[in-house]
Amino acid sequence: MTRKRPSSSTTVSRAPKKKKQDAFTIPRPSSPVAPAVPPSRAHPISYHHPLLLEYQSSCNDLLAWFESVEETRNMPWRKEWIDPETFAGKEKELGAVLAKRAYEVWVSEVMLQQTRVSTVIPYFKNWISKWPTVQDLADASHDDVLNVWKGLGYYSRATRLHQGAQAFVARKSESCPIPSSAEELQEFPGIGKYTAGAISSIAFGEAEPVLDGNVARVLSRQLGLYVDAKDKKSTDLLWIVADQLIKEVANYPETMKSDVPGKWNQALMELGSTICTPRPKCDECPIQKTCRVYTEGQALSNKTKRASSIPDIEDACTLCEQLDTEDLAAPPEGDNEDEESSATATKKKKVQAKKNNTISNYFTAATPRAGVTADSGENVGDTQTPGSKKRKSPAAEDLKAITTYCSLFPKKVAKKKVAEEDCVVCIVEVQMPTQSKWLIEQRPAKGLLGSLWQFPQEAFPASKNTPSYRKASAQKFISTLQTGQIDMSKAKFVAELDSLVHVFSHLKLTMHVSLFKLELTDDASPDMAPAGVPARKWVDTDAMGDQTLSTGMRRCWELVQKRLS
């Protein structure tokens, strides 16, 4: 991989090419910058210049690491890059192959939003089996799309995929219906900057960056940036850095397309999801030596007095927030398979952490531990360069202290309290001599669970959450429903089956499920196709499993099935 040395400062415009705005510059330091020493972490703005830009060996290490783990998790959407040069004179065939590849990358990236890889894999296989090309998806019915997505959650993603496919096909491109430009991709429904960068780099080999939560965490630690990575100012900066890195690694613009951009972006994402996690495994990291935060943690663990140069006030960093040293007293957030399962064990674990693992223990000036010298903390931030002095492997105790420190980055922000809501869910059975039908209605196309079907429901104030109020509220609500020629005021309350709690990303919903029954005779032949908004329909018992109900509604239906069995 041929890489040119950066100029004295790296400048990248924040805006798309067509829109000129001010650029943000992180100057390249004129000389190596020592690690920022906690708790003050005084450092110049140049401290955040990406060290990966300086060391080709570290970039190569990351790419080599990704190549070694690329197939570990058996992701069916990971495939070899398609080199256009191998299709010389076969433009139509190339267009079809690239369209299929870009489509697969697009579907996988949308499915992976807020969803685990292990959950996505079977859904992805089923989806691609049913709709192998973007044209196939565009031709599908929306109900069919939602039905295949059923159980994956965040159903608006399925709607956006369907709308996006229709928009791509409407382009009527002679070769590939999906454009290669990240800027152009963002003009289509449901495709933002991240998804556009993933498609452009992985499928088409263009040097376009990606930035998701995993990549943001990796870059924040590499840069020693103590900020809320979700804040707009921080996000803008990280996008700039991600763009600098991929263009440098891919040797852009000398090399316009190659397999490097896709591999680089996937390597950063894989690193963030498996190694540089909220609870990092720093000893396994292939780019440990360019990590500013690791170096800070190492200096802290060694208990060495290191001169922290006070930067000139004009050069001082104004990006980082003050390090909250009390954060080290509690275990870092994040999924961990080794986490205690019982509440009691967790409490004990936290108490012990506060007693033995407070950050103040590391601030005391002391003689280095036996076998640990100040030199053992040498890093690319010092006068030594990667490879010039072999880093000593830290002892287990030191490594734990270092990784605990690294887990502070990026800055954690207290999550907003999830809103709570109660509602009555009314399951209405129309019982006829030979069969039963059940009433469901369709949610609005936009908003939570858009276009999915549900049992009629109505929210009520939590302050009035009593059995008698719930029953009266459900009866009143049912009597007002417009269902064609069926008089819903005659529906009889059978029982309240149970109360189920369903948690969305922003809402904790408690569903109080009530069963109602209407009996019809042979002589009655009402209109069973209600008109109006919302759309409603009566469904046979055996056909209920085929309806596009949300996970919460399927749980409600399971209560009915238990009662019927």
Protein backbone atom coordinates (compact mmCIF):
# COMPACT_ATOMS: atom_id res chain seq x y z
CA MET A 1 0.00 0.00 0.00
CA THR A 2 1.64 3.25 -1.15
CA ARG A 3 0.99 6.14 1.20
CA LYS A 4 2.19 9.72 1.04
CA ARG A 5 3.34 11.59 4.10
CA PRO A 6 0.78 14.16 5.27
CA SER A 7 1.49 17.85 4.98
CA SER A 8 2.16 20.05 7.99
CA SER A 9 -1.56 20.13 8.76
CA THR A 10 -4.52 18.09 7.62
CA THR A 11 -7.60 19.96 6.44
CA VAL A 12 -10.83 18.41 5.25
CA SER A 13 -14.04 20.23 4.42
CA ARG A 14 -17.05 19.23 6.51
CA ALA A 15 -19.53 19.79 3.72
CA PRO A 16 -20.28 17.83 0.55
CA LYS A 17 -18.25 18.85 -2.47
CA LYS A 18 -21.05 20.93 -3.94
CA LYS A 19 -21.47 23.00 -0.77
CA LYS A 20 -18.48 25.03 0.34
CA GLN A 21 -18.13 25.67 4.07
CA ASP A 22 -15.37 26.38 6.54
CA ALA A 23 -12.99 23.52 7.18
CA PHE A 24 -11.84 22.28 10.55
CA THR A 25 -8.12 21.80 11.00
CA ILE A 26 -6.22 19.73 13.54
CA PRO A 27 -2.61 20.80 13.07
CA ARG A 28 0.08 18.18 12.80
CA PRO A 29 2.41 18.65 15.80
CA SER A 30 5.86 19.95 14.96
CA SER A 31 7.35 17.53 17.49
CA PRO A 32 6.05 14.47 19.38
CA VAL A 33 3.46 15.32 22.05
CA ALA A 34 3.70 13.57 25.41
CA PRO A 35 0.64 11.73 26.76
CA ALA A 36 -1.94 13.90 28.49
CA VAL A 37 -1.69 13.07 32.19
CA PRO A 38 -4.95 12.62 34.11
CA PRO A 39 -6.78 14.15 35.84
CA SER A 40 -6.13 17.53 34.20
CA ARG A 41 -5.08 16.04 30.83
CA ALA A 42 -3.59 19.37 29.73
CA HIS A 43 -2.70 19.11 26.05
CA PRO A 44 -2.56 21.15 22.85
CA ILE A 45 -5.07 20.78 20.04
CA SER A 46 -2.38 19.07 17.95
CA TYR A 47 -2.50 16.18 20.44
CA HIS A 48 -5.57 14.96 18.54
CA HIS A 49 -3.80 14.69 15.20
CA PRO A 50 -4.44 11.04 14.18
CA LEU A 51 -1.26 9.04 14.75
CA LEU A 52 -2.54 6.52 12.22
CA LEU A 53 -1.80 9.15 9.58
CA GLU A 54 1.86 9.00 10.56
CA TYR A 55 2.47 5.27 10.76
CA GLN A 56 1.81 3.06 7.76
CA SER A 57 2.74 -0.03 9.77
CA SER A 58 -0.19 0.50 12.15
CA CYS A 59 -2.62 0.88 9.24
CA ASN A 60 -1.23 -2.29 7.70
CA ASP A 61 -1.58 -4.05 11.07
CA LEU A 62 -5.28 -3.18 11.21
CA LEU A 63 -5.90 -4.40 7.66
CA ALA A 64 -3.95 -7.61 8.32
CA TRP A 65 -5.90 -8.19 11.53
CA PHE A 66 -9.20 -7.75 9.71
CA GLU A 67 -8.13 -10.21 7.04
CA SER A 68 -7.44 -12.77 9.77
CA VAL A 69 -10.87 -12.38 11.43
CA GLU A 70 -13.02 -11.44 8.44
CA GLU A 71 -14.74 -14.83 8.21
CA THR A 72 -14.86 -15.59 11.95
CA ARG A 73 -18.49 -14.55 12.41
CA ASN A 74 -19.68 -16.04 9.09
CA MET A 75 -21.44 -12.93 7.84
CA PRO A 76 -23.01 -13.81 4.47
CA TRP A 77 -22.80 -10.20 3.23
CA ARG A 78 -19.00 -10.14 3.44
CA LYS A 79 -17.59 -10.94 0.02
CA GLU A 80 -14.57 -10.18 -2.14
CA TRP A 81 -14.46 -6.77 -3.76
CA ILE A 82 -15.50 -6.70 -7.42
CA ASP A 83 -12.71 -5.16 -9.49
CA PRO A 84 -14.23 -3.35 -12.53
CA GLU A 85 -11.04 -3.95 -14.52
CA THR A 86 -11.84 -7.68 -14.66
CA PHE A 87 -15.02 -6.84 -16.61
CA ALA A 88 -13.38 -4.88 -19.43
CA GLY A 89 -15.77 -4.78 -22.39
CA LYS A 90 -18.59 -6.29 -20.29
CA GLU A 91 -20.18 -3.12 -18.92
CA LYS A 92 -23.72 -4.53 -18.76
CA GLU A 93 -22.59 -7.63 -16.87
CA LEU A 94 -20.49 -5.47 -14.54
CA GLY A 95 -23.49 -3.24 -13.83
CA ALA A 96 -25.64 -6.23 -12.85
CA VAL A 97 -22.93 -7.70 -10.60
CA LEU A 98 -22.23 -4.37 -8.89
CA ALA A 99 -25.96 -3.72 -8.42
CA LYS A 100 -26.40 -7.04 -6.64
CA ARG A 101 -23.34 -6.46 -4.47
CA ALA A 102 -24.38 -2.92 -3.55
CA TYR A 103 -27.91 -4.14 -2.81
CA GLU A 104 -26.60 -6.81 -0.41
CA VAL A 105 -24.36 -4.31 1.39
CA TRP A 106 -27.28 -1.89 1.67
CA VAL A 107 -29.69 -4.48 3.08
CA SER A 108 -27.12 -5.77 5.59
CA GLU A 109 -26.23 -2.28 6.83
CA VAL A 110 -29.88 -1.35 7.35
CA MET A 111 -30.61 -4.62 9.16
CA LEU A 112 -27.57 -4.19 11.40
CA GLN A 113 -28.78 -0.84 12.72
CA GLN A 114 -29.53 -1.36 16.43
CA THR A 115 -29.51 -5.14 15.90
CA ARG A 116 -26.98 -7.86 16.73
CA VAL A 117 -25.12 -9.68 13.96
CA SER A 118 -26.32 -13.10 15.17
CA THR A 119 -29.93 -11.92 14.92
CA VAL A 120 -29.49 -10.38 11.48
CA ILE A 121 -27.84 -13.34 9.71
CA PRO A 122 -30.98 -15.55 9.29
CA TYR A 123 -33.12 -12.54 8.35
CA PHE A 124 -30.58 -11.44 5.75
CA LYS A 125 -30.42 -14.91 4.20
CA ASN A 126 -34.21 -15.15 4.04
CA TRP A 127 -34.55 -11.64 2.59
CA ILE A 128 -31.96 -12.18 -0.16
CA SER A 129 -33.46 -15.57 -0.96
CA LYS A 130 -36.89 -13.98 -1.44
CA TRP A 131 -35.71 -10.81 -3.20
CA PRO A 132 -32.24 -11.42 -4.75
CA THR A 133 -32.07 -8.07 -6.56
CA VAL A 134 -33.17 -4.49 -6.00
CA GLN A 135 -35.70 -4.94 -8.83
CA ASP A 136 -37.27 -7.92 -7.01
CA LEU A 137 -37.64 -5.85 -3.84
CA ALA A 138 -39.13 -2.92 -5.73
CA ASP A 139 -41.79 -5.23 -7.20
CA ALA A 140 -42.78 -6.69 -3.81
CA SER A 141 -45.91 -5.64 -1.92
CA HIS A 142 -45.39 -3.55 1.19
CA ASP A 143 -47.30 -6.01 3.36
CA ASP A 144 -45.05 -8.81 2.14
CA VAL A 145 -41.96 -6.75 2.98
CA LEU A 146 -43.21 -6.07 6.51
CA ASN A 147 -44.13 -9.72 6.97
CA VAL A 148 -40.61 -10.91 6.10
CA TRP A 149 -39.17 -8.29 8.45
CA LYS A 150 -41.47 -9.45 11.25
CA GLY A 151 -39.58 -9.91 14.52
CA LEU A 152 -36.51 -7.85 13.56
CA GLY A 153 -37.89 -4.64 15.08
CA TYR A 154 -37.67 -1.00 13.99
CA TYR A 155 -40.07 -1.72 11.13
CA SER A 156 -39.58 1.67 9.50
CA ARG A 157 -36.26 0.26 8.24
CA ALA A 158 -38.15 -2.24 6.09
CA THR A 159 -40.36 0.52 4.72
CA ARG A 160 -37.33 2.65 3.84
CA LEU A 161 -35.65 -0.29 2.10
CA HIS A 162 -38.77 -0.86 0.02
CA GLN A 163 -39.12 2.82 -0.86
CA GLY A 164 -35.41 3.06 -1.64
CA ALA A 165 -35.57 0.07 -3.98
CA GLN A 166 -38.47 1.61 -5.87
CA ALA A 167 -36.54 4.88 -6.17
CA PHE A 168 -33.43 3.10 -7.45
CA VAL A 169 -35.41 1.24 -10.10
CA ALA A 170 -37.18 4.44 -11.15
CA ARG A 171 -33.74 5.83 -12.02
CA LYS A 172 -33.73 3.59 -15.09
CA SER A 173 -29.97 3.47 -15.28
CA GLU A 174 -28.57 1.62 -18.28
CA SER A 175 -25.99 -0.18 -16.17
CA CYS A 176 -26.20 -0.21 -12.36
CA PRO A 177 -29.40 1.15 -10.78
CA ILE A 178 -27.55 1.91 -7.53
CA PRO A 179 -25.13 4.86 -7.84
CA SER A 180 -21.56 4.53 -6.55
CA SER A 181 -21.25 8.09 -5.24
CA ALA A 182 -21.90 8.49 -1.51
CA GLU A 183 -23.20 11.99 -2.14
CA GLU A 184 -25.72 10.77 -4.71
CA LEU A 185 -26.75 7.79 -2.58
CA GLN A 186 -27.89 10.15 0.18
CA GLU A 187 -30.57 11.52 -2.13
CA PHE A 188 -32.52 8.24 -1.87
CA PRO A 189 -35.07 7.39 0.86
CA GLY A 190 -33.60 6.09 4.10
CA ILE A 191 -29.94 6.36 3.08
CA GLY A 192 -27.91 8.62 5.34
CA LYS A 193 -24.24 9.49 5.41
CA TYR A 194 -23.14 6.28 7.14
CA THR A 195 -25.06 3.88 4.89
CA ALA A 196 -23.97 5.79 1.79
CA GLY A 197 -20.32 5.55 2.85
CA ALA A 198 -20.63 1.82 3.51
CA ILE A 199 -22.19 1.09 0.10
CA SER A 200 -19.77 3.33 -1.77
CA SER A 201 -16.64 1.94 -0.11
CA ILE A 202 -17.50 -1.75 0.28
CA ALA A 203 -19.34 -2.35 -2.98
CA PHE A 204 -17.70 0.20 -5.29
CA GLY A 205 -14.25 0.64 -3.70
CA GLU A 206 -14.48 4.41 -3.35
CA ALA A 207 -12.60 6.21 -0.56
CA GLU A 208 -15.65 7.25 1.46
CA PRO A 209 -15.70 7.14 5.28
CA VAL A 210 -18.19 5.56 7.66
CA LEU A 211 -18.98 6.57 11.22
CA ASP A 212 -21.22 4.54 13.49
CA GLY A 213 -21.08 4.08 17.26
CA ASN A 214 -18.31 1.48 17.02
CA VAL A 215 -16.10 3.57 14.74
CA ALA A 216 -16.71 6.69 16.84
CA ARG A 217 -15.50 4.82 19.93
CA VAL A 218 -12.35 3.61 18.16
CA LEU A 219 -11.48 7.06 16.83
CA SER A 220 -12.23 8.81 20.13
CA ARG A 221 -9.71 6.57 21.85
CA GLN A 222 -7.16 6.79 19.06
CA LEU A 223 -7.31 10.59 19.23
CA GLY A 224 -7.55 10.85 23.02
CA LEU A 225 -10.75 12.80 22.55
CA TYR A 226 -12.84 13.01 25.73
CA VAL A 227 -16.17 14.19 24.34
CA ASP A 228 -19.71 12.98 23.90
CA ALA A 229 -19.27 11.20 20.57
CA LYS A 230 -22.96 11.75 19.76
CA ASP A 231 -22.74 15.52 20.09
CA LYS A 232 -22.96 17.24 16.70
CA LYS A 233 -19.68 19.12 17.06
CA SER A 234 -17.87 15.92 18.03
CA THR A 235 -19.56 13.92 15.28
CA ASP A 236 -18.55 16.48 12.67
CA LEU A 237 -14.93 16.25 13.82
CA LEU A 238 -14.92 12.44 13.81
CA TRP A 239 -16.36 12.41 10.28
CA ILE A 240 -13.49 14.65 9.20
CA VAL A 241 -10.92 12.36 10.81
CA ALA A 242 -12.55 9.26 9.30
CA ASP A 243 -12.38 10.93 5.90
CA GLN A 244 -8.71 11.86 6.37
CA LEU A 245 -7.81 8.32 7.33
CA ILE A 246 -9.57 6.48 4.53
CA LYS A 247 -8.24 8.80 1.85
CA GLU A 248 -4.70 8.42 3.20
CA VAL A 249 -4.88 4.65 3.53
CA ALA A 250 -6.50 4.23 0.10
CA ASN A 251 -3.90 6.54 -1.50
CA TYR A 252 -6.65 8.79 -2.84
CA PRO A 253 -6.79 10.46 -5.36
CA GLU A 254 -3.89 8.64 -7.02
CA THR A 255 -5.93 5.44 -6.63
CA MET A 256 -9.60 6.14 -7.29
CA LYS A 257 -10.99 2.66 -6.58
CA SER A 258 -9.66 -0.45 -4.85
CA ASP A 259 -10.55 -3.02 -2.20
CA VAL A 260 -8.77 -0.98 0.50
CA PRO A 261 -11.61 1.47 1.37
CA GLY A 262 -14.12 -1.31 2.01
CA LYS A 263 -11.67 -3.38 4.02
CA TRP A 264 -10.55 -0.35 6.04
CA ASN A 265 -14.10 0.67 6.96
CA GLN A 266 -15.07 -2.89 7.84
CA ALA A 267 -11.88 -3.25 9.89
CA LEU A 268 -12.75 -0.19 11.98
CA MET A 269 -16.32 -1.43 12.48
CA GLU A 270 -15.14 -4.94 13.38
CA LEU A 271 -12.54 -3.58 15.79
CA GLY A 272 -15.15 -1.46 17.54
CA SER A 273 -17.65 -4.31 17.83
CA THR A 274 -15.24 -7.03 19.00
CA ILE A 275 -12.10 -5.48 20.56
CA CYS A 276 -12.50 -1.74 21.18
CA THR A 277 -15.84 -2.29 22.90
CA PRO A 278 -17.22 -0.31 25.86
CA ARG A 279 -15.15 -2.78 27.92
CA PRO A 280 -12.10 -2.95 25.66
CA LYS A 281 -9.68 -5.83 25.19
CA CYS A 282 -6.65 -3.60 24.76
CA ASP A 283 -4.16 -6.47 24.84
CA GLU A 284 -5.71 -7.82 21.59
CA CYS A 285 -5.84 -4.50 19.73
CA PRO A 286 -3.81 -4.34 16.49
CA ILE A 287 -3.48 -0.54 16.66
CA GLN A 288 -2.72 -0.23 20.36
CA LYS A 289 0.53 1.63 19.72
CA THR A 290 -1.22 4.57 18.03
CA CYS A 291 -3.90 4.86 20.73
CA ARG A 292 -3.58 8.07 22.74
CA VAL A 293 -5.91 6.83 25.47
CA TYR A 294 -4.01 3.56 25.92
CA THR A 295 -0.81 5.56 26.42
CA GLU A 296 -2.53 7.74 29.02
CA GLY A 297 -3.79 4.67 30.84
CA GLN A 298 -0.34 3.13 30.72
CA ALA A 299 1.26 6.23 32.24
CA LEU A 300 -1.43 6.30 34.91
CA SER A 301 -0.97 2.63 35.76
CA ASN A 302 2.80 2.95 36.01
CA LYS A 303 2.41 5.63 38.72
CA THR A 304 5.27 7.55 37.19
CA LYS A 305 5.72 11.28 37.47
CA ARG A 306 5.68 12.40 33.89
CA ALA A 307 6.14 16.01 32.99
CA SER A 308 2.90 17.20 31.44
CA SER A 309 3.75 20.21 29.35
CA ILE A 310 1.35 23.11 29.79
CA PRO A 311 0.32 24.18 26.29
CA ASP A 312 0.22 27.81 25.27
CA ILE A 313 -3.27 29.14 25.89
CA GLU A 314 -3.69 29.76 22.16
CA ASP A 315 -2.76 26.15 21.38
CA ALA A 316 -4.67 24.49 24.23
CA CYS A 317 -7.39 22.00 23.33
CA THR A 318 -10.90 23.37 23.57
CA LEU A 319 -12.55 20.17 22.36
CA CYS A 320 -12.17 17.84 25.35
CA GLU A 321 -14.36 18.08 28.41
CA GLN A 322 -13.03 17.70 31.93
CA LEU A 323 -12.39 14.06 32.78
CA ASP A 324 -14.87 12.81 35.37
CA THR A 325 -12.52 10.82 37.57
CA GLU A 326 -15.32 9.31 39.64
CA ASP A 327 -16.39 7.27 36.62
CA LEU A 328 -13.61 4.80 37.35
CA ALA A 329 -15.26 3.82 40.61
CA ALA A 330 -18.04 1.97 38.79
CA PRO A 331 -17.78 -0.74 36.12
CA PRO A 332 -18.04 0.63 32.58
CA GLU A 333 -21.24 0.24 30.64
CA GLY A 334 -21.63 -2.24 27.83
CA ASP A 335 -22.40 -5.84 27.08
CA ASN A 336 -20.05 -8.38 28.60
CA GLU A 337 -20.55 -12.12 28.69
CA ASP A 338 -18.71 -12.31 32.02
CA GLU A 339 -21.07 -9.89 33.75
CA GLU A 340 -22.68 -11.13 36.97
CA SER A 341 -26.22 -12.28 36.41
CA SER A 342 -27.68 -11.69 39.86
CA ALA A 343 -28.48 -8.28 41.29
CA THR A 344 -26.74 -9.15 44.55
CA ALA A 345 -23.53 -10.14 42.81
CA THR A 346 -23.61 -6.94 40.77
CA LYS A 347 -23.99 -4.81 43.87
CA LYS A 348 -21.07 -6.55 45.55
CA LYS A 349 -19.00 -6.10 42.43
CA LYS A 350 -19.70 -2.35 42.34
CA VAL A 351 -18.93 -1.87 46.03
CA GLN A 352 -15.64 -3.69 45.62
CA ALA A 353 -14.78 -1.59 42.58
CA LYS A 354 -15.35 1.61 44.51
CA LYS A 355 -13.14 0.42 47.31
CA ASN A 356 -10.21 -0.90 45.32
CA ASN A 357 -10.33 0.64 41.88
CA THR A 358 -10.78 4.37 42.38
CA ILE A 359 -8.79 6.51 40.04
CA SER A 360 -7.24 8.42 42.95
CA ASN A 361 -5.15 5.32 43.68
CA TYR A 362 -3.30 5.94 40.43
CA PHE A 363 -2.66 9.66 40.91
CA THR A 364 -0.36 9.20 43.91
CA ALA A 365 3.25 9.78 43.00
CA ALA A 366 5.15 6.64 43.85
CA THR A 367 8.11 4.55 42.93
CA PRO A 368 7.33 2.41 39.90
CA ARG A 369 6.41 -1.18 40.61
CA ALA A 370 9.16 -3.72 40.46
CA GLY A 371 9.91 -4.55 36.86
CA VAL A 372 8.08 -1.50 35.57
CA THR A 373 10.12 1.42 34.32
CA ALA A 374 9.15 4.75 32.92
CA ASP A 375 10.41 3.54 29.58
CA SER A 376 7.86 0.74 29.50
CA GLY A 377 5.25 3.36 28.75
CA GLU A 378 6.95 4.54 25.60
CA ASN A 379 4.48 5.14 22.79
CA VAL A 380 4.20 6.96 19.51
CA GLY A 381 3.27 10.07 21.46
CA ASP A 382 6.80 10.16 22.90
CA THR A 383 10.11 10.46 21.12
CA GLN A 384 10.07 6.75 20.36
CA THR A 385 8.29 5.61 17.23
CA PRO A 386 6.40 2.33 16.76
CA GLY A 387 8.88 -0.46 16.32
CA SER A 388 11.86 1.52 17.64
CA LYS A 389 11.39 0.10 21.12
CA LYS A 390 9.43 -3.05 21.84
CA ARG A 391 6.59 -2.45 24.26
CA LYS A 392 6.61 -4.63 27.35
CA SER A 393 3.45 -6.57 27.91
CA PRO A 394 1.79 -5.12 31.01
CA ALA A 395 1.04 -7.36 33.96
CA ALA A 396 -2.56 -8.42 34.46
CA GLU A 397 -3.14 -5.84 37.18
CA ASP A 398 -1.69 -3.05 35.06
CA LEU A 399 -3.67 -4.15 32.01
CA LYS A 400 -6.89 -4.07 34.01
CA ALA A 401 -6.12 -0.52 35.14
CA ILE A 402 -5.31 0.55 31.59
CA THR A 403 -8.47 -0.95 30.07
CA THR A 404 -10.57 0.51 32.87
CA TYR A 405 -9.17 3.92 32.02
CA CYS A 406 -9.75 3.38 28.30
CA SER A 407 -13.36 2.48 29.01
CA LEU A 408 -13.96 6.09 30.07
CA PHE A 409 -13.63 7.17 26.43
CA PRO A 410 -15.66 8.53 24.78
CA LYS A 411 -17.45 10.52 27.47
CA LYS A 412 -20.55 8.78 28.80
CA VAL A 413 -23.72 10.82 28.89
CA ALA A 414 -26.58 9.95 31.20
CA LYS A 415 -29.40 8.40 29.22
CA LYS A 416 -32.72 10.17 29.24
CA LYS A 417 -35.38 8.44 31.26
CA VAL A 418 -37.62 6.39 29.00
CA ALA A 419 -41.20 7.64 28.92
CA GLU A 420 -43.82 5.29 30.36
CA GLU A 421 -47.32 4.77 29.03
CA ASP A 422 -50.31 2.52 29.75
CA CYS A 423 -52.91 1.39 27.24
CA VAL A 424 -55.83 -0.98 26.94
CA VAL A 425 -55.47 -3.53 24.13
CA CYS A 426 -58.88 -4.82 23.04
CA ILE A 427 -58.97 -8.21 21.37
CA VAL A 428 -62.42 -8.65 19.85
CA GLU A 429 -63.74 -12.03 18.68
CA VAL A 430 -66.74 -12.31 16.41
CA GLN A 431 -68.03 -15.81 17.05
CA MET A 432 -70.10 -17.48 14.33
CA PRO A 433 -71.50 -21.02 14.26
CA THR A 434 -68.59 -22.45 12.27
CA GLN A 435 -65.72 -20.02 12.77
CA SER A 436 -64.34 -17.05 14.64
CA LYS A 437 -62.83 -13.84 13.32
CA TRP A 438 -60.68 -11.26 15.09
CA LEU A 439 -60.52 -7.51 14.61
CA ILE A 440 -57.21 -5.83 13.77
CA GLU A 441 -56.37 -2.35 12.46
CA GLN A 442 -53.42 -0.81 10.62
CA ARG A 443 -51.13 1.79 12.18
CA PRO A 444 -50.28 5.01 10.29
CA ALA A 445 -47.56 4.69 7.65
CA LYS A 446 -45.31 7.12 9.51
CA GLY A 447 -44.24 6.93 13.11
CA LEU A 448 -43.77 4.08 15.57
CA LEU A 449 -44.39 0.64 14.00
CA GLY A 450 -45.53 2.31 10.79
CA SER A 451 -48.03 0.33 8.64
CA LEU A 452 -48.06 -2.69 10.98
CA TRP A 453 -51.33 -4.25 12.11
CA GLN A 454 -52.45 -4.27 15.71
CA PHE A 455 -55.40 -5.03 17.95
CA PRO A 456 -57.38 -1.84 18.69
CA GLN A 457 -55.80 0.02 21.60
CA GLU A 458 -56.08 3.28 23.48
CA ALA A 459 -53.78 4.99 25.96
CA PHE A 460 -55.01 6.16 29.37
CA PRO A 461 -53.47 8.15 32.27
CA ALA A 462 -51.21 6.08 34.52
CA SER A 463 -52.82 7.77 37.53
CA LYS A 464 -56.08 5.96 36.71
CA ASN A 465 -54.55 2.51 36.39
CA THR A 466 -57.07 0.39 38.30
CA PRO A 467 -58.89 -2.79 37.16
CA SER A 468 -62.27 -1.06 37.21
CA TYR A 469 -61.05 1.93 35.20
CA ARG A 470 -59.30 -0.28 32.66
CA LYS A 471 -62.47 -2.32 32.13
CA ALA A 472 -64.69 0.74 31.78
CA SER A 473 -62.18 2.43 29.48
CA ALA A 474 -61.90 -0.62 27.24
CA GLN A 475 -65.70 -1.02 27.01
CA LYS A 476 -66.20 2.64 26.11
CA PHE A 477 -63.41 2.51 23.53
CA ILE A 478 -64.76 -0.64 21.85
CA SER A 479 -68.27 0.78 21.55
CA THR A 480 -66.98 3.69 19.44
CA LEU A 481 -65.12 1.62 16.84
CA GLN A 482 -66.44 1.81 13.27
CA THR A 483 -66.49 -1.71 11.84
CA GLY A 484 -69.03 -1.67 9.04
CA GLN A 485 -72.44 -3.15 9.89
CA ILE A 486 -71.32 -4.78 13.12
CA ASP A 487 -72.62 -3.00 16.23
CA MET A 488 -69.59 -2.95 18.53
CA SER A 489 -71.66 -1.68 21.47
CA LYS A 490 -72.95 -5.26 21.78
CA ALA A 491 -69.47 -6.66 22.35
CA LYS A 492 -69.32 -8.34 25.76
CA PHE A 493 -66.36 -8.00 28.08
CA VAL A 494 -65.00 -11.51 28.76
CA ALA A 495 -61.89 -10.94 30.86
CA GLU A 496 -58.69 -9.01 31.29
CA LEU A 497 -56.13 -11.60 30.23
CA ASP A 498 -52.95 -10.02 31.58
CA SER A 499 -50.73 -6.94 31.58
CA LEU A 500 -47.62 -7.07 29.38
CA VAL A 501 -44.69 -4.67 29.38
CA HIS A 502 -43.02 -3.92 26.04
CA VAL A 503 -39.98 -1.64 25.91
CA PHE A 504 -39.13 0.42 22.84
CA SER A 505 -35.98 2.53 22.52
CA HIS A 506 -37.85 5.60 23.79
CA LEU A 507 -40.97 4.19 25.44
CA LYS A 508 -41.94 1.68 28.10
CA LEU A 509 -45.45 0.56 27.22
CA THR A 510 -47.64 -1.46 29.58
CA MET A 511 -50.40 -3.21 27.63
CA HIS A 512 -53.48 -4.28 29.59
CA VAL A 513 -55.04 -6.95 27.38
CA SER A 514 -58.82 -7.42 27.47
CA LEU A 515 -60.89 -9.98 25.58
CA PHE A 516 -64.30 -9.14 24.10
CA LYS A 517 -66.80 -11.36 22.30
CA LEU A 518 -69.62 -10.83 19.81
CA GLU A 519 -71.94 -13.69 18.80
CA LEU A 520 -73.56 -13.76 15.36
CA THR A 521 -76.23 -16.16 14.08
CA ASP A 522 -76.56 -17.73 10.63
CA ASP A 523 -79.23 -15.18 9.74
CA ALA A 524 -76.87 -12.26 10.28
CA SER A 525 -74.69 -11.34 7.32
CA PRO A 526 -73.00 -8.06 8.21
CA ASP A 527 -70.41 -6.29 6.10
CA MET A 528 -67.11 -7.84 7.22
CA ALA A 529 -64.98 -5.31 5.31
CA PRO A 530 -65.01 -2.11 7.39
CA ALA A 531 -64.22 1.13 5.54
CA GLY A 532 -62.51 4.27 6.80
CA VAL A 533 -59.34 5.23 8.65
CA PRO A 534 -57.59 3.48 10.21
CA ALA A 535 -57.98 0.45 7.96
CA ARG A 536 -59.58 -2.45 9.84
CA LYS A 537 -60.28 -6.06 8.95
CA TRP A 538 -61.58 -9.29 10.47
CA VAL A 539 -59.11 -12.17 10.36
CA ASP A 540 -59.71 -15.92 10.70
CA THR A 541 -58.10 -17.59 13.71
CA ASP A 542 -55.81 -19.72 11.54
CA ALA A 543 -54.70 -16.71 9.48
CA MET A 544 -53.62 -14.56 12.40
CA GLY A 545 -50.07 -15.94 12.27
CA ASP A 546 -49.67 -14.57 8.74
CA GLN A 547 -50.50 -10.99 9.70
CA THR A 548 -47.79 -8.34 10.07
CA LEU A 549 -48.22 -7.85 13.79
CA SER A 550 -45.50 -6.28 15.90
CA THR A 551 -43.71 -8.32 18.57
CA GLY A 552 -45.87 -6.74 21.28
CA MET A 553 -49.08 -7.62 19.46
CA ARG A 554 -47.94 -11.20 18.90
CA ARG A 555 -47.38 -11.50 22.64
CA CYS A 556 -50.96 -10.32 23.17
CA TRP A 557 -52.21 -12.92 20.66
CA GLU A 558 -50.29 -15.63 22.53
CA LEU A 559 -52.42 -14.85 25.60
CA VAL A 560 -55.54 -15.55 23.53
CA GLN A 561 -54.07 -18.79 22.17
CA LYS A 562 -53.35 -20.00 25.70
CA ARG A 563 -56.95 -19.30 26.67
CA LEU A 564 -58.29 -21.10 23.60
CA SER A 565 -56.11 -24.19 24.05
